[in-house]
């Protein structure tokens, strides 16, 4: 997933025409690994953690994907490089302003996809004794943690690319600073935000978690698509 993210106009490792679709498809595979990890442990607590994780990740994958559709509609492409190029000319052209609803839905759904506080129900230590990876130690446990934190960096990079202008400067008079520097600054801010949320917010109940995903985020993501379509029809 990290290979598909354009870091600057001169540092694009993989220029895919379906970059957004590729990213979403790969991120969905992580659900299978967690469910199989919990089931293969032959432990009822691990199995409960795996099942709870599957329900959560599938539920929040849907609003996460739909929230990106508005960006794809405005850009007219699923190519991540073109999405960044469409945000040139100052921060008022960045997608988080016209797509503020989609941006909020994306951030909330992304935190849940990462299984991080306040949505860390799959690992709920006080309830499920660490959840799906309770029976793992050594390098097997390290692989679970490695995948989780790589996903943190991947989501931070995708957020920077889709909504925060990628490598573009917030003001045109700052264009002399290399694009890679701007990307790393925005990327670092998003990583800090994810860690800050984990250290600040309390865990929510599982019924609140599922209700938020299906009753709030999914309708908001659909409303964002309709609003974007109306805006494009009027603007064009």
C-alpha atoms as a PDB file:
ATOM      1  CA  UNK A   1       0.000   0.000   0.000  1.00  0.00           C
ATOM      2  CA  UNK A   2       2.846   2.372   0.828  1.00  0.00           C
ATOM      3  CA  UNK A   3       4.288   1.882  -2.672  1.00  0.00           C
ATOM      4  CA  UNK A   4       1.130   3.334  -4.279  1.00  0.00           C
ATOM      5  CA  UNK A   5       1.350   6.692  -2.441  1.00  0.00           C
ATOM      6  CA  UNK A   6       2.990   9.583  -4.364  1.00  0.00           C
ATOM      7  CA  UNK A   7       5.394  11.346  -1.999  1.00  0.00           C
ATOM      8  CA  UNK A   8       6.303  14.231  -4.302  1.00  0.00           C
ATOM      9  CA  UNK A   9       6.177  15.164  -7.968  1.00  0.00           C
ATOM     10  CA  UNK A  10       9.610  13.544  -8.373  1.00  0.00           C
ATOM     11  CA  UNK A  11       9.126  10.577  -6.050  1.00  0.00           C
ATOM     12  CA  UNK A  12       6.306   8.422  -7.417  1.00  0.00           C
ATOM     13  CA  UNK A  13       7.143   4.742  -7.092  1.00  0.00           C
ATOM     14  CA  UNK A  14       3.946   3.283  -8.609  1.00  0.00           C
ATOM     15  CA  UNK A  15       1.679   5.412 -10.789  1.00  0.00           C
ATOM     16  CA  UNK A  16      -1.524   3.342 -10.919  1.00  0.00           C
ATOM     17  CA  UNK A  17      -4.646   4.494 -12.762  1.00  0.00           C
ATOM     18  CA  UNK A  18      -6.734   2.700 -10.116  1.00  0.00           C
ATOM     19  CA  UNK A  19      -4.606   3.674  -7.128  1.00  0.00           C
ATOM     20  CA  UNK A  20      -7.580   4.329  -4.831  1.00  0.00           C
ATOM     21  CA  UNK A  21      -9.199   0.997  -5.710  1.00  0.00           C
ATOM     22  CA  UNK A  22      -5.886  -0.822  -5.274  1.00  0.00           C
ATOM     23  CA  UNK A  23      -5.414   0.739  -1.858  1.00  0.00           C
ATOM     24  CA  UNK A  24      -8.910  -0.158  -0.652  1.00  0.00           C
ATOM     25  CA  UNK A  25      -8.624  -3.722  -1.964  1.00  0.00           C
ATOM     26  CA  UNK A  26      -5.370  -4.370  -0.137  1.00  0.00           C
ATOM     27  CA  UNK A  27      -6.589  -2.824   3.121  1.00  0.00           C
ATOM     28  CA  UNK A  28      -9.580  -5.182   3.125  1.00  0.00           C
ATOM     29  CA  UNK A  29      -7.318  -8.248   3.245  1.00  0.00           C
ATOM     30  CA  UNK A  30      -6.250  -7.412   6.815  1.00  0.00           C
ATOM     31  CA  UNK A  31      -9.666  -8.523   8.100  1.00  0.00           C
ATOM     32  CA  UNK A  32      -9.012 -12.087   6.920  1.00  0.00           C
ATOM     33  CA  UNK A  33      -5.668 -12.238   8.721  1.00  0.00           C
ATOM     34  CA  UNK A  34      -7.167 -11.112  12.020  1.00  0.00           C
ATOM     35  CA  UNK A  35     -10.110 -13.540  11.837  1.00  0.00           C
ATOM     36  CA  UNK A  36      -7.856 -16.485  10.943  1.00  0.00           C
ATOM     37  CA  UNK A  37      -5.371 -15.490  13.649  1.00  0.00           C
ATOM     38  CA  UNK A  38      -8.107 -15.545  16.294  1.00  0.00           C
ATOM     39  CA  UNK A  39      -9.682 -18.787  15.016  1.00  0.00           C
ATOM     40  CA  UNK A  40      -6.391 -20.676  14.697  1.00  0.00           C
ATOM     41  CA  UNK A  41      -5.515 -19.950  18.339  1.00  0.00           C
ATOM     42  CA  UNK A  42      -8.114 -22.493  19.529  1.00  0.00           C
ATOM     43  CA  UNK A  43      -9.009 -20.059  22.305  1.00  0.00           C
ATOM     44  CA  UNK A  44     -12.522 -18.761  22.888  1.00  0.00           C
ATOM     45  CA  UNK A  45     -11.314 -15.280  23.861  1.00  0.00           C
ATOM     46  CA  UNK A  46      -9.184 -15.018  20.733  1.00  0.00           C
ATOM     47  CA  UNK A  47     -12.114 -16.254  18.628  1.00  0.00           C
ATOM     48  CA  UNK A  48     -14.408 -13.621  20.172  1.00  0.00           C
ATOM     49  CA  UNK A  49     -11.790 -10.981  19.457  1.00  0.00           C
ATOM     50  CA  UNK A  50     -11.503 -12.122  15.844  1.00  0.00           C
ATOM     51  CA  UNK A  51     -15.265 -12.121  15.328  1.00  0.00           C
ATOM     52  CA  UNK A  52     -15.638  -8.698  16.935  1.00  0.00           C
ATOM     53  CA  UNK A  53     -12.811  -7.379  14.787  1.00  0.00           C
ATOM     54  CA  UNK A  54     -14.410  -8.730  11.592  1.00  0.00           C
ATOM     55  CA  UNK A  55     -17.738  -7.080  12.415  1.00  0.00           C
ATOM     56  CA  UNK A  56     -16.034  -3.769  13.179  1.00  0.00           C
ATOM     57  CA  UNK A  57     -13.655  -3.650  10.213  1.00  0.00           C
ATOM     58  CA  UNK A  58     -16.284  -4.684   7.650  1.00  0.00           C
ATOM     59  CA  UNK A  59     -18.786  -2.171   9.070  1.00  0.00           C
ATOM     60  CA  UNK A  60     -16.340   0.737   8.883  1.00  0.00           C
ATOM     61  CA  UNK A  61     -14.764  -0.283   5.573  1.00  0.00           C
ATOM     62  CA  UNK A  62     -18.014   0.690   3.835  1.00  0.00           C
ATOM     63  CA  UNK A  63     -18.211   4.370   4.953  1.00  0.00           C
ATOM     64  CA  UNK A  64     -14.436   4.629   4.508  1.00  0.00           C
ATOM     65  CA  UNK A  65     -14.700   3.675   0.832  1.00  0.00           C
ATOM     66  CA  UNK A  66     -17.840   5.736   0.179  1.00  0.00           C
ATOM     67  CA  UNK A  67     -16.258   8.837   1.751  1.00  0.00           C
ATOM     68  CA  UNK A  68     -13.498   8.678  -0.884  1.00  0.00           C
ATOM     69  CA  UNK A  69     -15.998   8.556  -3.761  1.00  0.00           C
ATOM     70  CA  UNK A  70     -16.592  12.315  -3.458  1.00  0.00           C
ATOM     71  CA  UNK A  71     -12.887  12.997  -4.035  1.00  0.00           C
ATOM     72  CA  UNK A  72     -12.858  10.658  -7.038  1.00  0.00           C
ATOM     73  CA  UNK A  73     -15.943  12.424  -8.454  1.00  0.00           C
ATOM     74  CA  UNK A  74     -14.380  15.882  -8.133  1.00  0.00           C
ATOM     75  CA  UNK A  75     -11.047  14.776  -9.610  1.00  0.00           C
ATOM     76  CA  UNK A  76     -12.482  12.496 -12.290  1.00  0.00           C
ATOM     77  CA  UNK A  77      -9.783   9.901 -11.667  1.00  0.00           C
ATOM     78  CA  UNK A  78      -8.745   7.188  -9.216  1.00  0.00           C
ATOM     79  CA  UNK A  79      -5.085   7.929  -9.910  1.00  0.00           C
ATOM     80  CA  UNK A  80      -3.542   9.197  -6.656  1.00  0.00           C
ATOM     81  CA  UNK A  81      -1.033  11.330  -8.554  1.00  0.00           C
ATOM     82  CA  UNK A  82      -3.813  13.162 -10.445  1.00  0.00           C
ATOM     83  CA  UNK A  83      -5.780  13.625  -7.224  1.00  0.00           C
ATOM     84  CA  UNK A  84      -2.790  15.440  -5.723  1.00  0.00           C
ATOM     85  CA  UNK A  85      -2.241  17.516  -8.887  1.00  0.00           C
ATOM     86  CA  UNK A  86      -5.881  18.634  -8.715  1.00  0.00           C
ATOM     87  CA  UNK A  87      -5.209  20.219  -5.304  1.00  0.00           C
ATOM     88  CA  UNK A  88      -2.475  22.620  -6.467  1.00  0.00           C
ATOM     89  CA  UNK A  89      -2.685  26.377  -5.931  1.00  0.00           C
ATOM     90  CA  UNK A  90      -3.055  26.806  -2.162  1.00  0.00           C
ATOM     91  CA  UNK A  91      -4.782  25.137   0.758  1.00  0.00           C
ATOM     92  CA  UNK A  92      -8.201  26.465  -0.354  1.00  0.00           C
ATOM     93  CA  UNK A  93      -7.995  23.975  -3.238  1.00  0.00           C
ATOM     94  CA  UNK A  94      -7.315  21.016  -0.966  1.00  0.00           C
ATOM     95  CA  UNK A  95     -10.093  18.439  -0.860  1.00  0.00           C
ATOM     96  CA  UNK A  96     -10.716  18.632   2.875  1.00  0.00           C
ATOM     97  CA  UNK A  97     -12.582  21.936   2.396  1.00  0.00           C
ATOM     98  CA  UNK A  98     -15.142  21.039  -0.320  1.00  0.00           C
ATOM     99  CA  UNK A  99     -15.224  17.457   0.986  1.00  0.00           C
ATOM    100  CA  UNK A 100     -15.401  18.317   4.690  1.00  0.00           C
ATOM    101  CA  UNK A 101     -18.165  15.732   5.341  1.00  0.00           C
ATOM    102  CA  UNK A 102     -16.223  13.035   3.529  1.00  0.00           C
ATOM    103  CA  UNK A 103     -13.041  14.076   5.348  1.00  0.00           C
ATOM    104  CA  UNK A 104     -14.629  13.726   8.799  1.00  0.00           C
ATOM    105  CA  UNK A 105     -16.206  10.374   7.890  1.00  0.00           C
ATOM    106  CA  UNK A 106     -12.886   9.164   6.465  1.00  0.00           C
ATOM    107  CA  UNK A 107     -10.915  10.082   9.597  1.00  0.00           C
ATOM    108  CA  UNK A 108     -13.383   8.435  11.991  1.00  0.00           C
ATOM    109  CA  UNK A 109     -13.669   5.302   9.856  1.00  0.00           C
ATOM    110  CA  UNK A 110      -9.882   5.149   9.440  1.00  0.00           C
ATOM    111  CA  UNK A 111      -9.315   5.216  13.211  1.00  0.00           C
ATOM    112  CA  UNK A 112     -11.785   2.351  13.545  1.00  0.00           C
ATOM    113  CA  UNK A 113     -10.134   0.424  10.709  1.00  0.00           C
ATOM    114  CA  UNK A 114      -6.840   0.713  12.576  1.00  0.00           C
ATOM    115  CA  UNK A 115      -8.444  -0.837  15.691  1.00  0.00           C
ATOM    116  CA  UNK A 116      -7.132   2.021  17.770  1.00  0.00           C
ATOM    117  CA  UNK A 117      -8.678   3.855  20.701  1.00  0.00           C
ATOM    118  CA  UNK A 118     -11.553   4.763  20.996  1.00  0.00           C
ATOM    119  CA  UNK A 119     -12.414   1.917  18.595  1.00  0.00           C
ATOM    120  CA  UNK A 120     -10.030  -0.760  19.912  1.00  0.00           C
ATOM    121  CA  UNK A 121     -12.817  -3.262  20.643  1.00  0.00           C
ATOM    122  CA  UNK A 122     -10.981  -6.186  18.945  1.00  0.00           C
ATOM    123  CA  UNK A 123      -8.104  -5.834  21.422  1.00  0.00           C
ATOM    124  CA  UNK A 124     -10.207  -4.725  24.438  1.00  0.00           C
ATOM    125  CA  UNK A 125      -7.736  -5.838  27.102  1.00  0.00           C
ATOM    126  CA  UNK A 126     -10.166  -5.331  29.991  1.00  0.00           C
ATOM    127  CA  UNK A 127     -12.794  -7.560  28.345  1.00  0.00           C
ATOM    128  CA  UNK A 128     -11.135 -10.049  25.991  1.00  0.00           C
ATOM    129  CA  UNK A 129      -7.627 -10.400  27.440  1.00  0.00           C
ATOM    130  CA  UNK A 130      -6.023  -8.692  24.396  1.00  0.00           C
ATOM    131  CA  UNK A 131      -8.425 -10.146  21.824  1.00  0.00           C
ATOM    132  CA  UNK A 132      -7.422 -12.049  18.715  1.00  0.00           C
ATOM    133  CA  UNK A 133      -3.654 -12.164  19.437  1.00  0.00           C
ATOM    134  CA  UNK A 134      -3.906 -13.381  23.055  1.00  0.00           C
ATOM    135  CA  UNK A 135      -2.203 -16.699  22.263  1.00  0.00           C
ATOM    136  CA  UNK A 136       0.662 -15.209  20.245  1.00  0.00           C
ATOM    137  CA  UNK A 137       4.116 -14.194  21.397  1.00  0.00           C
ATOM    138  CA  UNK A 138       7.537 -13.674  19.896  1.00  0.00           C
ATOM    139  CA  UNK A 139       7.794 -12.827  16.232  1.00  0.00           C
ATOM    140  CA  UNK A 140       4.166 -13.895  15.550  1.00  0.00           C
ATOM    141  CA  UNK A 141       2.938 -11.211  17.944  1.00  0.00           C
ATOM    142  CA  UNK A 142       5.468  -8.823  16.413  1.00  0.00           C
ATOM    143  CA  UNK A 143       3.943  -9.395  12.969  1.00  0.00           C
ATOM    144  CA  UNK A 144       0.494  -8.400  14.239  1.00  0.00           C
ATOM    145  CA  UNK A 145       1.908  -5.202  15.755  1.00  0.00           C
ATOM    146  CA  UNK A 146       4.041  -4.517  12.676  1.00  0.00           C
ATOM    147  CA  UNK A 147       1.004  -4.763  10.412  1.00  0.00           C
ATOM    148  CA  UNK A 148      -1.016  -2.469  12.691  1.00  0.00           C
ATOM    149  CA  UNK A 149       1.590   0.281  12.785  1.00  0.00           C
ATOM    150  CA  UNK A 150       2.439   0.046   9.085  1.00  0.00           C
ATOM    151  CA  UNK A 151      -1.300   0.516   8.490  1.00  0.00           C
ATOM    152  CA  UNK A 152      -1.152   3.652  10.667  1.00  0.00           C
ATOM    153  CA  UNK A 153       1.537   5.120   8.414  1.00  0.00           C
ATOM    154  CA  UNK A 154      -0.316   3.995   5.272  1.00  0.00           C
ATOM    155  CA  UNK A 155      -3.571   5.657   6.385  1.00  0.00           C
ATOM    156  CA  UNK A 156      -1.679   8.844   7.285  1.00  0.00           C
ATOM    157  CA  UNK A 157      -0.115   8.892   3.818  1.00  0.00           C
ATOM    158  CA  UNK A 158      -3.457   8.242   2.103  1.00  0.00           C
ATOM    159  CA  UNK A 159      -5.155  11.029   4.100  1.00  0.00           C
ATOM    160  CA  UNK A 160      -2.389  13.429   3.107  1.00  0.00           C
ATOM    161  CA  UNK A 161      -2.767  12.426  -0.532  1.00  0.00           C
ATOM    162  CA  UNK A 162      -6.563  12.518  -0.780  1.00  0.00           C
ATOM    163  CA  UNK A 163      -7.497  15.476   1.421  1.00  0.00           C
ATOM    164  CA  UNK A 164      -4.444  17.534   2.468  1.00  0.00           C
ATOM    165  CA  UNK A 165      -2.911  18.418  -0.882  1.00  0.00           C
ATOM    166  CA  UNK A 166      -0.178  15.795  -0.965  1.00  0.00           C
ATOM    167  CA  UNK A 167       3.160  17.450  -1.682  1.00  0.00           C
ATOM    168  CA  UNK A 168       1.686  20.903  -2.420  1.00  0.00           C
ATOM    169  CA  UNK A 169       2.469  23.897  -0.184  1.00  0.00           C
ATOM    170  CA  UNK A 170      -0.413  25.604   1.664  1.00  0.00           C
ATOM    171  CA  UNK A 171       0.500  28.931   0.009  1.00  0.00           C
ATOM    172  CA  UNK A 172       1.913  29.427  -3.465  1.00  0.00           C
ATOM    173  CA  UNK A 173       4.755  31.665  -2.269  1.00  0.00           C
ATOM    174  CA  UNK A 174       6.142  28.653  -0.352  1.00  0.00           C
ATOM    175  CA  UNK A 175       6.516  26.522  -3.470  1.00  0.00           C
ATOM    176  CA  UNK A 176      10.309  26.889  -3.305  1.00  0.00           C
ATOM    177  CA  UNK A 177      10.336  24.366  -0.443  1.00  0.00           C
ATOM    178  CA  UNK A 178      10.624  20.801  -1.842  1.00  0.00           C
ATOM    179  CA  UNK A 179       7.339  18.916  -2.103  1.00  0.00           C
ATOM    180  CA  UNK A 180       8.710  15.970  -0.134  1.00  0.00           C
ATOM    181  CA  UNK A 181       9.136  18.256   2.903  1.00  0.00           C
ATOM    182  CA  UNK A 182       5.484  19.344   2.750  1.00  0.00           C
ATOM    183  CA  UNK A 183       4.327  15.744   2.393  1.00  0.00           C
ATOM    184  CA  UNK A 184       6.391  14.638   5.389  1.00  0.00           C
ATOM    185  CA  UNK A 185       5.060  17.527   7.515  1.00  0.00           C
ATOM    186  CA  UNK A 186       1.416  16.679   6.760  1.00  0.00           C
ATOM    187  CA  UNK A 187       2.138  12.970   7.135  1.00  0.00           C
ATOM    188  CA  UNK A 188       3.775  13.544  10.531  1.00  0.00           C
ATOM    189  CA  UNK A 189       0.811  15.631  11.670  1.00  0.00           C
ATOM    190  CA  UNK A 190      -1.615  12.823  10.800  1.00  0.00           C
ATOM    191  CA  UNK A 191       0.517  10.216  12.606  1.00  0.00           C
ATOM    192  CA  UNK A 192       0.669  12.512  15.651  1.00  0.00           C
ATOM    193  CA  UNK A 193      -3.115  12.941  15.496  1.00  0.00           C
ATOM    194  CA  UNK A 194      -3.671   9.155  15.504  1.00  0.00           C
ATOM    195  CA  UNK A 195      -1.362   8.687  18.510  1.00  0.00           C
ATOM    196  CA  UNK A 196      -2.943  11.651  20.283  1.00  0.00           C
ATOM    197  CA  UNK A 197      -6.431  10.186  19.883  1.00  0.00           C
ATOM    198  CA  UNK A 198      -5.224   6.854  21.283  1.00  0.00           C
ATOM    199  CA  UNK A 199      -3.763   8.535  24.367  1.00  0.00           C
ATOM    200  CA  UNK A 200      -6.791  10.779  24.987  1.00  0.00           C
ATOM    201  CA  UNK A 201     -10.121   9.133  24.165  1.00  0.00           C
ATOM    202  CA  UNK A 202     -11.769   6.359  26.222  1.00  0.00           C
ATOM    203  CA  UNK A 203     -12.997   3.135  24.635  1.00  0.00           C
ATOM    204  CA  UNK A 204     -16.653   3.123  23.559  1.00  0.00           C
ATOM    205  CA  UNK A 205     -19.126   0.255  23.948  1.00  0.00           C
ATOM    206  CA  UNK A 206     -19.609  -2.214  21.129  1.00  0.00           C
ATOM    207  CA  UNK A 207     -23.249  -1.183  20.562  1.00  0.00           C
ATOM    208  CA  UNK A 208     -22.163   2.464  20.296  1.00  0.00           C
ATOM    209  CA  UNK A 209     -19.433   1.416  17.872  1.00  0.00           C
ATOM    210  CA  UNK A 210     -21.769  -0.399  15.485  1.00  0.00           C
ATOM    211  CA  UNK A 211     -24.488   2.234  15.807  1.00  0.00           C
ATOM    212  CA  UNK A 212     -22.045   5.003  14.873  1.00  0.00           C
ATOM    213  CA  UNK A 213     -20.877   3.127  11.792  1.00  0.00           C
ATOM    214  CA  UNK A 214     -24.261   2.134  10.375  1.00  0.00           C
ATOM    215  CA  UNK A 215     -26.563   4.902  11.632  1.00  0.00           C
ATOM    216  CA  UNK A 216     -24.282   7.947  11.382  1.00  0.00           C
ATOM    217  CA  UNK A 217     -21.196   7.480   9.199  1.00  0.00           C
ATOM    218  CA  UNK A 218     -22.828   5.506   6.380  1.00  0.00           C
ATOM    219  CA  UNK A 219     -25.730   7.997   5.879  1.00  0.00           C
ATOM    220  CA  UNK A 220     -23.287  10.917   6.062  1.00  0.00           C
ATOM    221  CA  UNK A 221     -21.049   9.313   3.432  1.00  0.00           C
ATOM    222  CA  UNK A 222     -24.050   8.815   1.121  1.00  0.00           C
ATOM    223  CA  UNK A 223     -25.212  12.410   1.710  1.00  0.00           C
ATOM    224  CA  UNK A 224     -21.703  13.574   0.795  1.00  0.00           C
ATOM    225  CA  UNK A 225     -21.966  11.833  -2.581  1.00  0.00           C
ATOM    226  CA  UNK A 226     -25.323  13.486  -3.354  1.00  0.00           C
ATOM    227  CA  UNK A 227     -24.051  16.924  -2.274  1.00  0.00           C
ATOM    228  CA  UNK A 228     -20.940  16.476  -4.410  1.00  0.00           C
ATOM    229  CA  UNK A 229     -23.033  15.447  -7.424  1.00  0.00           C
ATOM    230  CA  UNK A 230     -25.309  18.501  -7.022  1.00  0.00           C
ATOM    231  CA  UNK A 231     -22.309  20.805  -6.635  1.00  0.00           C
ATOM    232  CA  UNK A 232     -20.661  19.410  -9.777  1.00  0.00           C
ATOM    233  CA  UNK A 233     -23.908  19.711 -11.764  1.00  0.00           C
ATOM    234  CA  UNK A 234     -24.283  23.373 -10.760  1.00  0.00           C
ATOM    235  CA  UNK A 235     -20.595  24.244 -11.228  1.00  0.00           C
ATOM    236  CA  UNK A 236     -20.443  22.653 -14.665  1.00  0.00           C
END
